Amino acid sequence: DDLGPVLIQAGVSEYFSHVASRHAEVIFPVLPNISRAGQFISEFRGKV
């Protein structure tokens, strides 16, 4: 089809976020607790 396979990226680092915010359709991050998860997700969606 005209969209191609879905792109997933796995990580949490700054370099990861820089690339994934521009390209990823799904991300698979390692988020050990809910407080870190909330902070990471807020920052990542902002970068997207």
All heavy atoms as atom14 arrays in JSON, in Angstrom:
{
  "sequence": "DDLGPVLIQAGVSEYFSHVASRHAEVIFPVLPNISRAGQFISEFRGKV",
  "atom14_mask": [
    [1, 1, 1, 1, 1, 1, 1, 1, 0, 0, 0, 0, 0, 0],
    [1, 1, 1, 1, 1, 1, 1, 1, 0, 0, 0, 0, 0, 0],
    [1, 1, 1, 1, 1, 1, 1, 1, 0, 0, 0, 0, 0, 0],
    [1, 1, 1, 1, 0, 0, 0, 0, 0, 0, 0, 0, 0, 0],
    [1, 1, 1, 1, 1, 1, 1, 0, 0, 0, 0, 0, 0, 0],
    [1, 1, 1, 1, 1, 1, 1, 0, 0, 0, 0, 0, 0, 0],
    [1, 1, 1, 1, 1, 1, 1, 1, 0, 0, 0, 0, 0, 0],
    [1, 1, 1, 1, 1, 1, 1, 1, 0, 0, 0, 0, 0, 0],
    [1, 1, 1, 1, 1, 1, 1, 1, 1, 0, 0, 0, 0, 0],
    [1, 1, 1, 1, 1, 0, 0, 0, 0, 0, 0, 0, 0, 0],
    [1, 1, 1, 1, 0, 0, 0, 0, 0, 0, 0, 0, 0, 0],
    [1, 1, 1, 1, 1, 1, 1, 0, 0, 0, 0, 0, 0, 0],
    [1, 1, 1, 1, 1, 1, 0, 0, 0, 0, 0, 0, 0, 0],
    [1, 1, 1, 1, 1, 1, 1, 1, 1, 0, 0, 0, 0, 0],
    [1, 1, 1, 1, 1, 1, 1, 1, 1, 1, 1, 1, 0, 0],
    [1, 1, 1, 1, 1, 1, 1, 1, 1, 1, 1, 0, 0, 0],
    [1, 1, 1, 1, 1, 1, 0, 0, 0, 0, 0, 0, 0, 0],
    [1, 1, 1, 1, 1, 1, 1, 1, 1, 1, 0, 0, 0, 0],
    [1, 1, 1, 1, 1, 1, 1, 0, 0, 0, 0, 0, 0, 0],
    [1, 1, 1, 1, 1, 0, 0, 0, 0, 0, 0, 0, 0, 0],
    [1, 1, 1, 1, 1, 1, 0, 0, 0, 0, 0, 0, 0, 0],
    [1, 1, 1, 1, 1, 1, 1, 1, 1, 1, 1, 0, 0, 0],
    [1, 1, 1, 1, 1, 1, 1, 1, 1, 1, 0, 0, 0, 0],
    [1, 1, 1, 1, 1, 0, 0, 0, 0, 0, 0, 0, 0, 0],
    [1, 1, 1, 1, 1, 1, 1, 1, 1, 0, 0, 0, 0, 0],
    [1, 1, 1, 1, 1, 1, 1, 0, 0, 0, 0, 0, 0, 0],
    [1, 1, 1, 1, 1, 1, 1, 1, 0, 0, 0, 0, 0, 0],
    [1, 1, 1, 1, 1, 1, 1, 1, 1, 1, 1, 0, 0, 0],
    [1, 1, 1, 1, 1, 1, 1, 0, 0, 0, 0, 0, 0, 0],
    [1, 1, 1, 1, 1, 1, 1, 0, 0, 0, 0, 0, 0, 0],
    [1, 1, 1, 1, 1, 1, 1, 1, 0, 0, 0, 0, 0, 0],
    [1, 1, 1, 1, 1, 1, 1, 0, 0, 0, 0, 0, 0, 0],
    [1, 1, 1, 1, 1, 1, 1, 1, 0, 0, 0, 0, 0, 0],
    [1, 1, 1, 1, 1, 1, 1, 1, 0, 0, 0, 0, 0, 0],
    [1, 1, 1, 1, 1, 1, 0, 0, 0, 0, 0, 0, 0, 0],
    [1, 1, 1, 1, 1, 1, 1, 1, 1, 1, 1, 0, 0, 0],
    [1, 1, 1, 1, 1, 0, 0, 0, 0, 0, 0, 0, 0, 0],
    [1, 1, 1, 1, 0, 0, 0, 0, 0, 0, 0, 0, 0, 0],
    [1, 1, 1, 1, 1, 1, 1, 1, 1, 0, 0, 0, 0, 0],
    [1, 1, 1, 1, 1, 1, 1, 1, 1, 1, 1, 0, 0, 0],
    [1, 1, 1, 1, 1, 1, 1, 1, 0, 0, 0, 0, 0, 0],
    [1, 1, 1, 1, 1, 1, 0, 0, 0, 0, 0, 0, 0, 0],
    [1, 1, 1, 1, 1, 1, 1, 1, 1, 0, 0, 0, 0, 0],
    [1, 1, 1, 1, 1, 1, 1, 1, 1, 1, 1, 0, 0, 0],
    [1, 1, 1, 1, 1, 1, 1, 1, 1, 1, 1, 0, 0, 0],
    [1, 1, 1, 1, 0, 0, 0, 0, 0, 0, 0, 0, 0, 0],
    [1, 1, 1, 1, 1, 1, 1, 1, 1, 0, 0, 0, 0, 0],
    [1, 1, 1, 1, 1, 1, 1, 0, 0, 0, 0, 0, 0, 0]
  ],
  "atom14_positions": [
    [[0.86, -1.19, 0.0], [0.0, 0.0, 0.0], [0.89, 1.23, 0.0], [2.12, 1.12, 0.02], [-0.95, 0.0, 1.21], [-0.22, -0.09, 2.54], [0.86, 0.53, 2.67], [-0.71, -0.76, 3.46], [0.0, 0.0, 0.0], [0.0, 0.0, 0.0], [0.0, 0.0, 0.0], [0.0, 0.0, 0.0], [0.0, 0.0, 0.0], [0.0, 0.0, 0.0]],
    [[0.28, 2.4, -0.02], [1.09, 3.61, -0.16], [1.71, 4.08, 1.14], [2.5, 5.03, 1.13], [0.25, 4.74, -0.78], [-0.97, 5.09, 0.07], [-1.35, 4.28, 0.93], [-1.54, 6.17, -0.15], [0.0, 0.0, 0.0], [0.0, 0.0, 0.0], [0.0, 0.0, 0.0], [0.0, 0.0, 0.0], [0.0, 0.0, 0.0], [0.0, 0.0, 0.0]],
    [[1.42, 3.44, 2.29], [1.98, 3.86, 3.56], [3.14, 2.99, 4.02], [4.0, 3.44, 4.76], [0.88, 3.87, 4.64], [-0.22, 4.9, 4.43], [-1.29, 4.73, 5.51], [0.33, 6.31, 4.45], [0.0, 0.0, 0.0], [0.0, 0.0, 0.0], [0.0, 0.0, 0.0], [0.0, 0.0, 0.0], [0.0, 0.0, 0.0], [0.0, 0.0, 0.0]],
    [[3.17, 1.74, 3.6], [4.26, 0.85, 3.98], [4.08, 0.31, 5.39], [3.16, 0.67, 6.12], [0.0, 0.0, 0.0], [0.0, 0.0, 0.0], [0.0, 0.0, 0.0], [0.0, 0.0, 0.0], [0.0, 0.0, 0.0], [0.0, 0.0, 0.0], [0.0, 0.0, 0.0], [0.0, 0.0, 0.0], [0.0, 0.0, 0.0], [0.0, 0.0, 0.0]],
    [[4.98, -0.61, 5.82], [4.92, -1.15, 7.17], [5.03, -0.07, 8.24], [5.64, 0.99, 8.03], [6.14, -2.09, 7.21], [6.32, -2.52, 5.79], [6.0, -1.28, 4.99], [0.0, 0.0, 0.0], [0.0, 0.0, 0.0], [0.0, 0.0, 0.0], [0.0, 0.0, 0.0], [0.0, 0.0, 0.0], [0.0, 0.0, 0.0], [0.0, 0.0, 0.0]],
    [[4.44, -0.35, 9.39], [4.47, 0.58, 10.53], [5.88, 0.63, 11.1], [6.55, -0.39, 11.23], [3.47, 0.11, 11.61], [3.61, 0.93, 12.89], [2.04, 0.17, 11.08], [0.0, 0.0, 0.0], [0.0, 0.0, 0.0], [0.0, 0.0, 0.0], [0.0, 0.0, 0.0], [0.0, 0.0, 0.0], [0.0, 0.0, 0.0], [0.0, 0.0, 0.0]],
    [[6.33, 1.83, 11.45], [7.67, 2.0, 12.04], [7.58, 2.09, 13.56], [6.91, 2.96, 14.11], [8.34, 3.27, 11.5], [9.67, 3.63, 12.18], [10.72, 2.55, 11.94], [10.17, 4.98, 11.7], [0.0, 0.0, 0.0], [0.0, 0.0, 0.0], [0.0, 0.0, 0.0], [0.0, 0.0, 0.0], [0.0, 0.0, 0.0], [0.0, 0.0, 0.0]],
    [[8.29, 1.17, 14.23], [8.43, 1.17, 15.69], [9.86, 1.56, 16.02], [10.79, 1.2, 15.3], [8.14, -0.23, 16.27], [6.75, -0.71, 15.86], [8.27, -0.23, 17.79], [6.47, -2.16, 16.23], [0.0, 0.0, 0.0], [0.0, 0.0, 0.0], [0.0, 0.0, 0.0], [0.0, 0.0, 0.0], [0.0, 0.0, 0.0], [0.0, 0.0, 0.0]],
    [[10.05, 2.29, 17.1], [11.4, 2.52, 17.62], [11.4, 2.28, 19.13], [10.42, 2.59, 19.82], [11.89, 3.93, 17.29], [12.17, 4.1, 15.8], [12.8, 5.44, 15.49], [12.12, 6.35, 15.01], [14.08, 5.57, 15.74], [0.0, 0.0, 0.0], [0.0, 0.0, 0.0], [0.0, 0.0, 0.0], [0.0, 0.0, 0.0], [0.0, 0.0, 0.0]],
    [[12.5, 1.7, 19.62], [12.6, 1.32, 21.03], [13.74, 2.1, 21.69], [14.85, 2.12, 21.18], [12.85, -0.18, 21.16], [0.0, 0.0, 0.0], [0.0, 0.0, 0.0], [0.0, 0.0, 0.0], [0.0, 0.0, 0.0], [0.0, 0.0, 0.0], [0.0, 0.0, 0.0], [0.0, 0.0, 0.0], [0.0, 0.0, 0.0], [0.0, 0.0, 0.0]],
    [[13.45, 2.74, 22.82], [14.48, 3.47, 23.55], [13.91, 4.56, 24.42], [12.69, 4.77, 24.47], [0.0, 0.0, 0.0], [0.0, 0.0, 0.0], [0.0, 0.0, 0.0], [0.0, 0.0, 0.0], [0.0, 0.0, 0.0], [0.0, 0.0, 0.0], [0.0, 0.0, 0.0], [0.0, 0.0, 0.0], [0.0, 0.0, 0.0], [0.0, 0.0, 0.0]],
    [[14.79, 5.28, 25.11], [14.38, 6.42, 25.93], [15.41, 7.55, 25.93], [15.17, 8.6, 26.52], [14.1, 6.0, 27.4], [12.82, 5.2, 27.52], [15.27, 5.23, 28.0], [0.0, 0.0, 0.0], [0.0, 0.0, 0.0], [0.0, 0.0, 0.0], [0.0, 0.0, 0.0], [0.0, 0.0, 0.0], [0.0, 0.0, 0.0], [0.0, 0.0, 0.0]],
    [[16.55, 7.35, 25.29], [17.62, 8.36, 25.35], [17.26, 9.61, 24.56], [16.31, 9.63, 23.78], [18.92, 7.78, 24.81], [18.85, 7.62, 23.4], [0.0, 0.0, 0.0], [0.0, 0.0, 0.0], [0.0, 0.0, 0.0], [0.0, 0.0, 0.0], [0.0, 0.0, 0.0], [0.0, 0.0, 0.0], [0.0, 0.0, 0.0], [0.0, 0.0, 0.0]],
    [[18.06, 10.66, 24.75], [17.84, 11.9, 24.02], [18.01, 11.7, 22.52], [17.24, 12.22, 21.71], [18.8, 12.98, 24.52], [18.39, 13.63, 25.82], [17.05, 14.37, 25.7], [16.86, 15.12, 24.71], [16.2, 14.18, 26.58], [0.0, 0.0, 0.0], [0.0, 0.0, 0.0], [0.0, 0.0, 0.0], [0.0, 0.0, 0.0], [0.0, 0.0, 0.0]],
    [[19.04, 10.96, 22.13], [19.25, 10.71, 20.69], [18.09, 9.91, 20.12], [17.63, 10.17, 19.0], [20.57, 9.97, 20.46], [21.79, 10.85, 20.61], [22.67, 10.68, 21.68], [22.06, 11.85, 19.68], [23.8, 11.48, 21.82], [23.19, 12.66, 19.81], [24.05, 12.47, 20.89], [25.14, 13.27, 21.01], [0.0, 0.0, 0.0], [0.0, 0.0, 0.0]],
    [[17.63, 8.9, 20.87], [16.46, 8.15, 20.44], [15.27, 9.07, 20.23], [14.58, 9.02, 19.21], [16.11, 7.08, 21.49], [14.68, 6.62, 21.42], [14.28, 5.67, 20.5], [13.72, 7.17, 22.26], [12.96, 5.27, 20.41], [12.4, 6.77, 22.19], [12.01, 5.82, 21.26], [0.0, 0.0, 0.0], [0.0, 0.0, 0.0], [0.0, 0.0, 0.0]],
    [[14.99, 9.92, 21.23], [13.83, 10.81, 21.15], [13.92, 11.75, 19.96], [12.91, 12.05, 19.32], [13.69, 11.61, 22.44], [13.35, 10.77, 23.53], [0.0, 0.0, 0.0], [0.0, 0.0, 0.0], [0.0, 0.0, 0.0], [0.0, 0.0, 0.0], [0.0, 0.0, 0.0], [0.0, 0.0, 0.0], [0.0, 0.0, 0.0], [0.0, 0.0, 0.0]],
    [[15.13, 12.2, 19.64], [15.31, 13.12, 18.51], [14.9, 12.44, 17.2], [14.19, 13.03, 16.38], [16.76, 13.56, 18.44], [17.07, 14.41, 17.24], [16.58, 15.69, 17.08], [17.81, 14.14, 16.12], [16.99, 16.18, 15.92], [17.74, 15.27, 15.33], [0.0, 0.0, 0.0], [0.0, 0.0, 0.0], [0.0, 0.0, 0.0], [0.0, 0.0, 0.0]],
    [[15.33, 11.19, 17.01], [15.0, 10.47, 15.78], [13.55, 10.0, 15.8], [12.81, 10.18, 14.82], [15.96, 9.27, 15.57], [15.55, 8.46, 14.34], [17.39, 9.76, 15.42], [0.0, 0.0, 0.0], [0.0, 0.0, 0.0], [0.0, 0.0, 0.0], [0.0, 0.0, 0.0], [0.0, 0.0, 0.0], [0.0, 0.0, 0.0], [0.0, 0.0, 0.0]],
    [[13.11, 9.42, 16.91], [11.76, 8.85, 16.97], [10.68, 9.92, 16.89], [9.61, 9.68, 16.31], [11.6, 8.06, 18.27], [0.0, 0.0, 0.0], [0.0, 0.0, 0.0], [0.0, 0.0, 0.0], [0.0, 0.0, 0.0], [0.0, 0.0, 0.0], [0.0, 0.0, 0.0], [0.0, 0.0, 0.0], [0.0, 0.0, 0.0], [0.0, 0.0, 0.0]],
    [[10.94, 11.1, 17.43], [9.93, 12.16, 17.36], [9.68, 12.59, 15.92], [8.59, 13.09, 15.59], [10.36, 13.36, 18.2], [11.57, 13.94, 17.7], [0.0, 0.0, 0.0], [0.0, 0.0, 0.0], [0.0, 0.0, 0.0], [0.0, 0.0, 0.0], [0.0, 0.0, 0.0], [0.0, 0.0, 0.0], [0.0, 0.0, 0.0], [0.0, 0.0, 0.0]],
    [[10.65, 12.38, 15.04], [10.49, 12.75, 13.63], [9.93, 11.63, 12.76], [9.36, 11.9, 11.71], [11.85, 13.19, 13.06], [12.37, 14.49, 13.65], [13.65, 14.96, 12.99], [14.78, 14.11, 13.32], [15.53, 13.48, 12.43], [15.26, 13.58, 11.14], [16.54, 12.73, 12.82], [0.0, 0.0, 0.0], [0.0, 0.0, 0.0], [0.0, 0.0, 0.0]],
    [[10.08, 10.37, 13.23], [9.75, 9.26, 12.34], [8.8, 8.22, 12.92], [8.0, 7.65, 12.17], [11.04, 8.54, 11.93], [12.01, 9.38, 11.18], [11.79, 9.8, 9.88], [13.23, 9.88, 11.53], [12.83, 10.52, 9.47], [13.71, 10.59, 10.44], [0.0, 0.0, 0.0], [0.0, 0.0, 0.0], [0.0, 0.0, 0.0], [0.0, 0.0, 0.0]],
    [[8.92, 7.87, 14.18], [8.24, 6.68, 14.72], [6.73, 6.82, 14.69], [6.17, 7.9, 14.9], [8.7, 6.42, 16.15], [0.0, 0.0, 0.0], [0.0, 0.0, 0.0], [0.0, 0.0, 0.0], [0.0, 0.0, 0.0], [0.0, 0.0, 0.0], [0.0, 0.0, 0.0], [0.0, 0.0, 0.0], [0.0, 0.0, 0.0], [0.0, 0.0, 0.0]],
    [[6.07, 5.69, 14.46], [4.61, 5.61, 14.57], [4.2, 4.9, 15.86], [3.09, 5.09, 16.35], [4.04, 4.89, 13.35], [4.29, 5.65, 12.05], [3.89, 4.84, 10.84], [4.67, 3.95, 10.44], [2.8, 5.1, 10.29], [0.0, 0.0, 0.0], [0.0, 0.0, 0.0], [0.0, 0.0, 0.0], [0.0, 0.0, 0.0], [0.0, 0.0, 0.0]],
    [[5.08, 4.07, 16.38], [4.92, 3.4, 17.68], [6.27, 3.46, 18.37], [7.3, 3.3, 17.71], [4.5, 1.92, 17.5], [4.37, 1.23, 18.87], [3.2, 1.81, 16.73], [0.0, 0.0, 0.0], [0.0, 0.0, 0.0], [0.0, 0.0, 0.0], [0.0, 0.0, 0.0], [0.0, 0.0, 0.0], [0.0, 0.0, 0.0], [0.0, 0.0, 0.0]],
    [[6.27, 3.69, 19.69], [7.53, 3.57, 20.42], [7.36, 2.55, 21.54], [6.28, 2.37, 22.1], [8.06, 4.91, 20.97], [7.13, 5.51, 22.03], [8.34, 5.88, 19.85], [7.79, 6.66, 22.8], [0.0, 0.0, 0.0], [0.0, 0.0, 0.0], [0.0, 0.0, 0.0], [0.0, 0.0, 0.0], [0.0, 0.0, 0.0], [0.0, 0.0, 0.0]],
    [[8.48, 1.88, 21.84], [8.54, 0.83, 22.87], [9.6, 1.27, 23.88], [10.75, 0.87, 23.79], [8.89, -0.49, 22.18], [9.17, -1.64, 23.11], [8.37, -1.91, 24.2], [10.26, -2.47, 22.87], [8.64, -2.97, 25.05], [10.54, -3.55, 23.69], [9.72, -3.8, 24.79], [0.0, 0.0, 0.0], [0.0, 0.0, 0.0], [0.0, 0.0, 0.0]],
    [[9.23, 2.13, 24.84], [10.21, 2.63, 25.8], [10.29, 1.78, 27.06], [9.35, 1.05, 27.4], [9.68, 4.03, 26.13], [8.19, 3.87, 26.02], [7.94, 2.82, 24.96], [0.0, 0.0, 0.0], [0.0, 0.0, 0.0], [0.0, 0.0, 0.0], [0.0, 0.0, 0.0], [0.0, 0.0, 0.0], [0.0, 0.0, 0.0], [0.0, 0.0, 0.0]],
    [[11.42, 1.87, 27.75], [11.6, 1.24, 29.07], [11.3, 2.32, 30.11], [12.06, 3.27, 30.27], [13.03, 0.71, 29.24], [13.19, 0.08, 30.62], [13.37, -0.28, 28.15], [0.0, 0.0, 0.0], [0.0, 0.0, 0.0], [0.0, 0.0, 0.0], [0.0, 0.0, 0.0], [0.0, 0.0, 0.0], [0.0, 0.0, 0.0], [0.0, 0.0, 0.0]],
    [[10.18, 2.17, 30.81], [9.74, 3.17, 31.78], [9.48, 2.45, 33.11], [8.42, 1.85, 33.29], [8.47, 3.87, 31.28], [8.61, 4.58, 29.93], [7.26, 5.09, 29.43], [9.61, 5.74, 30.04], [0.0, 0.0, 0.0], [0.0, 0.0, 0.0], [0.0, 0.0, 0.0], [0.0, 0.0, 0.0], [0.0, 0.0, 0.0], [0.0, 0.0, 0.0]],
    [[10.44, 2.48, 34.03], [10.37, 1.62, 35.21], [9.28, 1.96, 36.21], [8.85, 1.12, 36.99], [11.76, 1.76, 35.85], [12.28, 3.06, 35.33], [11.71, 3.22, 33.97], [0.0, 0.0, 0.0], [0.0, 0.0, 0.0], [0.0, 0.0, 0.0], [0.0, 0.0, 0.0], [0.0, 0.0, 0.0], [0.0, 0.0, 0.0], [0.0, 0.0, 0.0]],
    [[8.82, 3.21, 36.23], [7.78, 3.58, 37.18], [6.88, 4.64, 36.56], [7.23, 5.28, 35.56], [8.39, 4.07, 38.51], [9.37, 5.21, 38.3], [8.99, 6.29, 37.85], [10.64, 4.98, 38.6], [0.0, 0.0, 0.0], [0.0, 0.0, 0.0], [0.0, 0.0, 0.0], [0.0, 0.0, 0.0], [0.0, 0.0, 0.0], [0.0, 0.0, 0.0]],
    [[5.75, 4.85, 37.18], [4.72, 5.7, 36.58], [5.12, 7.16, 36.56], [4.75, 7.91, 35.64], [3.37, 5.48, 37.3], [2.22, 5.97, 36.41], [3.35, 6.11, 38.68], [0.87, 5.47, 36.88], [0.0, 0.0, 0.0], [0.0, 0.0, 0.0], [0.0, 0.0, 0.0], [0.0, 0.0, 0.0], [0.0, 0.0, 0.0], [0.0, 0.0, 0.0]],
    [[5.91, 7.6, 37.57], [6.31, 9.01, 37.58], [7.27, 9.31, 36.44], [7.14, 10.33, 35.75], [6.94, 9.38, 38.93], [8.09, 8.58, 39.17], [0.0, 0.0, 0.0], [0.0, 0.0, 0.0], [0.0, 0.0, 0.0], [0.0, 0.0, 0.0], [0.0, 0.0, 0.0], [0.0, 0.0, 0.0], [0.0, 0.0, 0.0], [0.0, 0.0, 0.0]],
    [[8.23, 8.41, 36.22], [9.16, 8.62, 35.11], [8.42, 8.5, 33.78], [8.71, 9.23, 32.82], [10.3, 7.61, 35.17], [11.35, 7.89, 34.09], [12.56, 7.03, 34.22], [13.48, 7.32, 33.12], [14.4, 6.48, 32.67], [14.53, 5.3, 33.22], [15.19, 6.81, 31.68], [0.0, 0.0, 0.0], [0.0, 0.0, 0.0], [0.0, 0.0, 0.0]],
    [[7.44, 7.59, 33.73], [6.66, 7.42, 32.5], [5.94, 8.7, 32.13], [5.97, 9.15, 30.99], [5.67, 6.27, 32.67], [0.0, 0.0, 0.0], [0.0, 0.0, 0.0], [0.0, 0.0, 0.0], [0.0, 0.0, 0.0], [0.0, 0.0, 0.0], [0.0, 0.0, 0.0], [0.0, 0.0, 0.0], [0.0, 0.0, 0.0], [0.0, 0.0, 0.0]],
    [[5.28, 9.31, 33.12], [4.54, 10.54, 32.85], [5.44, 11.65, 32.34], [5.08, 12.37, 31.4], [0.0, 0.0, 0.0], [0.0, 0.0, 0.0], [0.0, 0.0, 0.0], [0.0, 0.0, 0.0], [0.0, 0.0, 0.0], [0.0, 0.0, 0.0], [0.0, 0.0, 0.0], [0.0, 0.0, 0.0], [0.0, 0.0, 0.0], [0.0, 0.0, 0.0]],
    [[6.62, 11.79, 32.96], [7.55, 12.85, 32.54], [8.07, 12.59, 31.13], [8.08, 13.5, 30.29], [8.72, 12.91, 33.52], [9.77, 13.97, 33.16], [10.95, 13.97, 34.11], [10.98, 13.22, 35.09], [11.93, 14.8, 33.83], [0.0, 0.0, 0.0], [0.0, 0.0, 0.0], [0.0, 0.0, 0.0], [0.0, 0.0, 0.0], [0.0, 0.0, 0.0]],
    [[8.49, 11.34, 30.87], [9.03, 11.01, 29.55], [7.99, 11.23, 28.46], [8.27, 11.82, 27.41], [9.52, 9.56, 29.52], [9.89, 9.09, 28.14], [11.14, 9.35, 27.6], [8.97, 8.39, 27.36], [11.48, 8.93, 26.33], [9.29, 7.97, 26.07], [10.55, 8.24, 25.56], [0.0, 0.0, 0.0], [0.0, 0.0, 0.0], [0.0, 0.0, 0.0]],
    [[6.77, 10.77, 28.71], [5.73, 10.83, 27.68], [5.35, 12.27, 27.38], [5.17, 12.66, 26.22], [4.51, 9.99, 28.11], [4.89, 8.52, 28.05], [3.3, 10.28, 27.23], [3.98, 7.62, 28.83], [0.0, 0.0, 0.0], [0.0, 0.0, 0.0], [0.0, 0.0, 0.0], [0.0, 0.0, 0.0], [0.0, 0.0, 0.0], [0.0, 0.0, 0.0]],
    [[5.26, 13.09, 28.41], [4.95, 14.5, 28.2], [6.03, 15.16, 27.34], [5.73, 15.9, 26.39], [4.81, 15.21, 29.55], [4.62, 16.59, 29.36], [0.0, 0.0, 0.0], [0.0, 0.0, 0.0], [0.0, 0.0, 0.0], [0.0, 0.0, 0.0], [0.0, 0.0, 0.0], [0.0, 0.0, 0.0], [0.0, 0.0, 0.0], [0.0, 0.0, 0.0]],
    [[7.3, 14.9, 27.68], [8.4, 15.5, 26.94], [8.45, 14.96, 25.51], [8.67, 15.71, 24.56], [9.72, 15.21, 27.65], [9.86, 15.93, 28.99], [11.11, 15.53, 29.74], [11.83, 14.62, 29.27], [11.38, 16.13, 30.81], [0.0, 0.0, 0.0], [0.0, 0.0, 0.0], [0.0, 0.0, 0.0], [0.0, 0.0, 0.0], [0.0, 0.0, 0.0]],
    [[8.22, 13.65, 25.35], [8.3, 13.07, 24.01], [7.2, 13.58, 23.11], [7.45, 13.95, 21.96], [8.25, 11.54, 24.09], [8.34, 10.88, 22.74], [9.56, 10.78, 22.1], [7.21, 10.41, 22.1], [9.65, 10.19, 20.83], [7.28, 9.83, 20.84], [8.51, 9.72, 20.21], [0.0, 0.0, 0.0], [0.0, 0.0, 0.0], [0.0, 0.0, 0.0]],
    [[5.98, 13.64, 23.61], [4.89, 14.15, 22.77], [5.14, 15.61, 22.39], [4.8, 16.04, 21.29], [3.55, 14.0, 23.5], [3.09, 12.54, 23.65], [1.59, 12.46, 23.83], [1.14, 11.16, 24.28], [0.9, 10.11, 23.51], [1.12, 10.2, 22.2], [0.45, 8.96, 24.01], [0.0, 0.0, 0.0], [0.0, 0.0, 0.0], [0.0, 0.0, 0.0]],
    [[5.78, 16.36, 23.29], [6.15, 17.73, 22.95], [7.14, 17.79, 21.8], [7.04, 18.66, 20.91], [0.0, 0.0, 0.0], [0.0, 0.0, 0.0], [0.0, 0.0, 0.0], [0.0, 0.0, 0.0], [0.0, 0.0, 0.0], [0.0, 0.0, 0.0], [0.0, 0.0, 0.0], [0.0, 0.0, 0.0], [0.0, 0.0, 0.0], [0.0, 0.0, 0.0]],
    [[8.1, 16.86, 21.79], [9.08, 16.82, 20.7], [8.44, 16.42, 19.38], [8.83, 16.9, 18.31], [10.21, 15.85, 21.06], [11.09, 16.34, 22.21], [12.1, 15.3, 22.63], [12.94, 15.81, 23.8], [13.87, 14.79, 24.31], [0.0, 0.0, 0.0], [0.0, 0.0, 0.0], [0.0, 0.0, 0.0], [0.0, 0.0, 0.0], [0.0, 0.0, 0.0]],
    [[7.45, 15.51, 19.46], [6.72, 15.12, 18.24], [6.01, 16.35, 17.66], [6.03, 16.59, 16.44], [5.71, 14.0, 18.53], [4.86, 13.69, 17.3], [6.45, 12.73, 18.98], [0.0, 0.0, 0.0], [0.0, 0.0, 0.0], [0.0, 0.0, 0.0], [0.0, 0.0, 0.0], [0.0, 0.0, 0.0], [0.0, 0.0, 0.0], [0.0, 0.0, 0.0]]
  ]
}
